Amino acid sequence: MSTGKPRIGFIGLGEMGGPMARNLLLAGYPLIALDLDAERLAAVASAGAVASRI
């Protein structure tokens, strides 16, 4: 399912990265997210991001 928007990879979902990632999701961008903290990663994944791990 294509949104016509570029897919974005986001590394780091901390104090700044988490809100930035959520704003990108709200704007309709497909997002692949990476963070070492499983709770932060799960929170963004539940908002629609694809969770990635190293």
C-alpha atoms as a PDB file:
ATOM      1  CA  MET A   1       0.000   0.000   0.000  1.00  0.00           C
ATOM      2  CA  SER A   2       1.742   3.141  -1.198  1.00  0.00           C
ATOM      3  CA  THR A   3       1.125   6.585   0.277  1.00  0.00           C
ATOM      4  CA  GLY A   4       3.089   8.376  -2.422  1.00  0.00           C
ATOM      5  CA  LYS A   5       5.409   9.684   0.286  1.00  0.00           C
ATOM      6  CA  PRO A   6       8.989   8.484   0.748  1.00  0.00           C
ATOM      7  CA  ARG A   7       9.632   5.787   3.341  1.00  0.00           C
ATOM      8  CA  ILE A   8      11.683   7.136   6.235  1.00  0.00           C
ATOM      9  CA  GLY A   9      14.082   5.276   8.517  1.00  0.00           C
ATOM     10  CA  PHE A  10      14.358   6.769  11.999  1.00  0.00           C
ATOM     11  CA  ILE A  11      17.095   5.896  14.506  1.00  0.00           C
ATOM     12  CA  GLY A  12      16.649   6.943  18.130  1.00  0.00           C
ATOM     13  CA  LEU A  13      13.263   7.438  19.774  1.00  0.00           C
ATOM     14  CA  GLY A  14      14.292   9.333  22.897  1.00  0.00           C
ATOM     15  CA  GLU A  15      13.287  12.792  24.108  1.00  0.00           C
ATOM     16  CA  MET A  16      13.540  14.354  20.664  1.00  0.00           C
ATOM     17  CA  GLY A  17      13.299  11.387  18.298  1.00  0.00           C
ATOM     18  CA  GLY A  18      10.090   9.907  19.716  1.00  0.00           C
ATOM     19  CA  PRO A  19       7.948  13.013  19.133  1.00  0.00           C
ATOM     20  CA  MET A  20       9.551  13.594  15.724  1.00  0.00           C
ATOM     21  CA  ALA A  21       8.756  10.021  14.674  1.00  0.00           C
ATOM     22  CA  ARG A  22       5.137  10.346  15.848  1.00  0.00           C
ATOM     23  CA  ASN A  23       4.729  13.606  13.918  1.00  0.00           C
ATOM     24  CA  LEU A  24       6.010  11.920  10.753  1.00  0.00           C
ATOM     25  CA  LEU A  25       3.488   9.105  11.248  1.00  0.00           C
ATOM     26  CA  LEU A  26       0.669  11.606  11.791  1.00  0.00           C
ATOM     27  CA  ALA A  27       1.683  13.321   8.549  1.00  0.00           C
ATOM     28  CA  GLY A  28       1.254  10.003   6.737  1.00  0.00           C
ATOM     29  CA  TYR A  29       4.875   9.025   6.131  1.00  0.00           C
ATOM     30  CA  PRO A  30       5.686   5.301   6.212  1.00  0.00           C
ATOM     31  CA  LEU A  31       8.273   4.913   8.964  1.00  0.00           C
ATOM     32  CA  ILE A  32      10.800   2.248   9.915  1.00  0.00           C
ATOM     33  CA  ALA A  33      12.022   2.894  13.462  1.00  0.00           C
ATOM     34  CA  LEU A  34      15.013   1.662  15.450  1.00  0.00           C
ATOM     35  CA  ASP A  35      15.805   2.083  19.133  1.00  0.00           C
ATOM     36  CA  LEU A  36      17.649  -0.028  21.694  1.00  0.00           C
ATOM     37  CA  ASP A  37      14.863   0.577  24.246  1.00  0.00           C
ATOM     38  CA  ALA A  38      12.107  -1.972  23.551  1.00  0.00           C
ATOM     39  CA  GLU A  39       9.396   0.142  25.242  1.00  0.00           C
ATOM     40  CA  ARG A  40      10.121   3.191  23.093  1.00  0.00           C
ATOM     41  CA  LEU A  41      10.172   1.049  19.977  1.00  0.00           C
ATOM     42  CA  ALA A  42       6.879  -0.629  20.902  1.00  0.00           C
ATOM     43  CA  ALA A  43       5.208   2.737  21.516  1.00  0.00           C
ATOM     44  CA  VAL A  44       6.061   4.023  18.046  1.00  0.00           C
ATOM     45  CA  ALA A  45       5.221   0.660  16.458  1.00  0.00           C
ATOM     46  CA  SER A  46       1.759   0.796  18.027  1.00  0.00           C
ATOM     47  CA  ALA A  47       1.303   4.171  16.321  1.00  0.00           C
ATOM     48  CA  GLY A  48       2.005   2.597  12.924  1.00  0.00           C
ATOM     49  CA  ALA A  49       5.767   2.409  12.458  1.00  0.00           C
ATOM     50  CA  VAL A  50       7.563  -0.753  11.414  1.00  0.00           C
ATOM     51  CA  ALA A  51       9.873  -1.762  14.270  1.00  0.00           C
ATOM     52  CA  SER A  52      13.426  -2.697  13.305  1.00  0.00           C
ATOM     53  CA  ARG A  53      16.197  -4.259  15.363  1.00  0.00           C
ATOM     54  CA  ILE A  54      19.948  -4.486  14.905  1.00  0.00           C
END
